[in-house]
Protein backbone atom coordinates (compact mmCIF):
# COMPACT_ATOMS: atom_id res chain seq x y z
CA UNK A 1 21.37 59.18 -46.16
CA UNK A 2 18.25 57.34 -47.00
CA UNK A 3 20.21 54.82 -48.96
CA UNK A 4 22.57 54.16 -46.05
CA UNK A 5 19.60 53.67 -43.70
CA UNK A 6 18.11 51.25 -46.19
CA UNK A 7 21.38 49.32 -46.38
CA UNK A 8 21.65 49.11 -42.57
CA UNK A 9 18.04 48.01 -42.35
CA UNK A 10 18.58 45.32 -45.02
CA UNK A 11 21.75 44.12 -43.31
CA UNK A 12 19.85 43.81 -39.99
CA UNK A 13 17.10 41.80 -41.69
CA UNK A 14 19.65 39.52 -43.36
CA UNK A 15 21.49 38.96 -40.06
CA UNK A 16 18.20 38.14 -38.29
CA UNK A 17 17.16 35.72 -41.04
CA UNK A 18 20.57 34.05 -40.94
CA UNK A 19 20.34 33.59 -37.17
CA UNK A 20 16.83 32.16 -37.40
CA UNK A 21 17.69 29.77 -40.24
CA UNK A 22 20.81 28.50 -38.48
CA UNK A 23 18.79 27.85 -35.30
CA UNK A 24 16.17 25.94 -37.29
CA UNK A 25 18.67 23.95 -39.27
CA UNK A 26 20.86 23.06 -36.29
CA UNK A 27 20.29 19.53 -34.95
CA UNK A 28 18.91 19.36 -31.43
CA UNK A 29 21.41 19.07 -28.64
CA UNK A 30 21.87 15.49 -27.49
CA UNK A 31 19.77 14.65 -24.43
CA UNK A 32 20.72 12.49 -21.52
CA UNK A 33 19.37 8.93 -21.65
CA UNK A 34 16.34 8.28 -19.46
CA UNK A 35 17.35 7.72 -15.86
CA UNK A 36 15.11 5.71 -13.58
CA UNK A 37 14.92 7.68 -10.36
CA UNK A 38 12.89 5.16 -8.34
CA UNK A 39 11.79 1.58 -8.37
CA UNK A 40 8.05 1.21 -8.05
CA UNK A 41 7.00 -1.27 -5.39
CA UNK A 42 4.21 -3.61 -6.31
CA UNK A 43 2.65 -5.40 -3.40
CA UNK A 44 2.91 -9.18 -3.78
CA UNK A 45 1.79 -10.13 -0.29
CA UNK A 46 -0.72 -12.92 -0.59
CA UNK A 47 -2.63 -14.78 2.10
CA UNK A 48 -3.87 -18.34 1.76
CA UNK A 49 -6.63 -19.61 4.05
CA UNK A 50 -6.64 -23.42 4.18
CA UNK A 51 -4.49 -23.49 1.02
CA UNK A 52 -6.91 -21.33 -1.00
CA UNK A 53 -5.72 -17.89 -2.05
CA UNK A 54 -7.72 -15.25 -0.20
CA UNK A 55 -10.08 -12.99 -2.08
CA UNK A 56 -9.19 -9.83 -0.15
CA UNK A 57 -11.21 -6.67 -0.59
CA UNK A 58 -8.14 -4.62 0.40
CA UNK A 59 -4.47 -5.46 -0.14
CA UNK A 60 -2.49 -7.03 2.64
CA UNK A 61 0.93 -5.51 3.28
CA UNK A 62 4.05 -5.93 5.38
CA UNK A 63 5.06 -3.24 7.87
CA UNK A 64 8.06 -3.69 10.18
CA UNK A 65 8.25 -7.42 9.30
CA UNK A 66 4.59 -8.06 10.19
CA UNK A 67 1.87 -8.78 7.67
CA UNK A 68 -1.38 -6.86 8.07
CA UNK A 69 -4.82 -7.29 6.54
CA UNK A 70 -8.18 -5.73 7.26
CA UNK A 71 -10.14 -7.19 10.12
CA UNK A 72 -13.16 -7.68 7.86
CA UNK A 73 -11.12 -9.70 5.33
CA UNK A 74 -9.61 -11.92 8.02
CA UNK A 75 -12.90 -12.49 9.86
CA UNK A 76 -14.68 -13.29 6.60
CA UNK A 77 -12.12 -15.98 5.72
CA UNK A 78 -11.82 -17.65 9.12
CA UNK A 79 -15.56 -17.50 9.74
CA UNK A 80 -15.90 -14.90 12.46
CA UNK A 81 -18.58 -12.28 13.08
CA UNK A 82 -17.80 -8.62 13.78
CA UNK A 83 -19.63 -6.20 16.08
CA UNK A 84 -18.63 -2.53 16.16
CA UNK A 85 -18.90 -0.82 19.53
CA UNK A 86 -20.40 2.59 20.22
CA UNK A 87 -18.83 5.32 18.08
CA UNK A 88 -16.42 2.67 16.78
CA UNK A 89 -14.25 2.89 19.90
CA UNK A 90 -13.89 -0.91 19.94
CA UNK A 91 -14.58 -3.91 17.75
CA UNK A 92 -15.57 -7.38 18.89
CA UNK A 93 -14.87 -10.49 16.83
CA UNK A 94 -16.48 -13.80 17.70
CA UNK A 95 -15.54 -17.20 16.30
CA UNK A 96 -16.58 -20.55 17.76
CA UNK A 97 -17.66 -19.02 21.07
CA UNK A 98 -14.44 -17.06 21.61
CA UNK A 99 -14.86 -13.26 21.81
CA UNK A 100 -11.99 -10.89 21.14
CA UNK A 101 -12.46 -7.17 21.76
CA UNK A 102 -10.05 -4.87 19.92
CA UNK A 103 -9.42 -1.20 20.52
CA UNK A 104 -8.27 0.37 17.22
CA UNK A 105 -4.74 1.72 17.47
CA UNK A 106 -3.79 -0.39 20.49
CA UNK A 107 -2.02 -3.69 20.98
CA UNK A 108 -4.08 -4.47 24.08
CA UNK A 109 -7.06 -6.73 23.45
CA UNK A 110 -9.57 -8.60 25.60
CA UNK A 111 -10.08 -12.31 24.96
CA UNK A 112 -13.25 -13.54 26.66
CA UNK A 113 -12.90 -10.58 29.05
CA UNK A 114 -9.23 -11.24 29.91
CA UNK A 115 -6.63 -8.63 28.98
CA UNK A 116 -3.92 -9.77 26.53
CA UNK A 117 -1.53 -8.21 24.04
CA UNK A 118 -1.09 -8.60 20.29
CA UNK A 119 2.44 -8.66 18.89
CA UNK A 120 1.80 -5.28 17.21
CA UNK A 121 -0.83 -2.58 17.44
CA UNK A 122 -3.84 -2.52 15.19
CA UNK A 123 -4.35 0.64 13.19
CA UNK A 124 -6.75 2.36 10.86
CA UNK A 125 -6.20 3.47 7.31
CA UNK A 126 -9.12 5.15 5.53
CA UNK A 127 -11.67 3.92 8.09
CA UNK A 128 -10.43 0.31 7.78
CA UNK A 129 -9.04 -1.57 10.77
CA UNK A 130 -5.85 -3.53 10.03
CA UNK A 131 -4.66 -6.36 12.28
CA UNK A 132 -1.37 -8.29 12.39
CA UNK A 133 -2.24 -11.59 10.70
CA UNK A 134 -0.22 -14.05 12.79
CA UNK A 135 -1.03 -12.87 16.29
CA UNK A 136 -4.69 -12.19 15.48
CA UNK A 137 -5.37 -15.52 13.74
CA UNK A 138 -3.55 -17.48 16.45
CA UNK A 139 -6.05 -16.10 18.99
CA UNK A 140 -8.69 -18.25 17.29
CA UNK A 141 -6.57 -21.39 17.10
CA UNK A 142 -5.35 -20.85 13.54
CA UNK A 143 -1.83 -21.82 12.48
CA UNK A 144 0.06 -19.23 10.46
CA UNK A 145 3.15 -19.98 8.36
CA UNK A 146 5.15 -17.32 6.53
CA UNK A 147 7.04 -17.90 3.28
CA UNK A 148 9.59 -15.09 3.15
CA UNK A 149 10.78 -15.59 -0.44
CA UNK A 150 7.33 -15.02 -1.94
CA UNK A 151 5.77 -12.87 0.80
CA UNK A 152 2.96 -15.31 1.46
CA UNK A 153 1.12 -16.17 4.62
CA UNK A 154 -0.59 -19.54 4.98
CA UNK A 155 -3.38 -19.60 7.56
CA UNK A 156 -4.73 -23.04 8.49
CA UNK A 157 -7.76 -23.68 10.70
CA UNK A 158 -10.56 -26.13 11.42
CA UNK A 159 -14.04 -25.07 10.31
């Protein structure tokens, strides 16, 4: 009886070792080739002010076919000054005697006290105010041209 138990035990060990060695020796199952699930989008929007590429602190981008940049970047390049209103409920930009008051998140603005409308609303992202480049720059007499193929805006103005 003991001998038969020993034989059964040895057979179980041999079967286990055989299963383990065949699993180790077996080549790995072929894997599927790498599939790219998405295409990363790298922003290539560039703004030129008087034919010099802008040194923007924050990236410009296109949303709904309109290019946006931060108000501080635009004002710095066209030579305007910025005044933030109480509790940042409005912003006033002045360039060459013209004052434009902007309410963040709205398309309504006030140019020298007169109510007007931008083509698109301004908005905030991470405490930064973004403005639509063309309609904002044109308020100050700048000319804006858009090159669709390379996603570039060319802003021209007199100093």
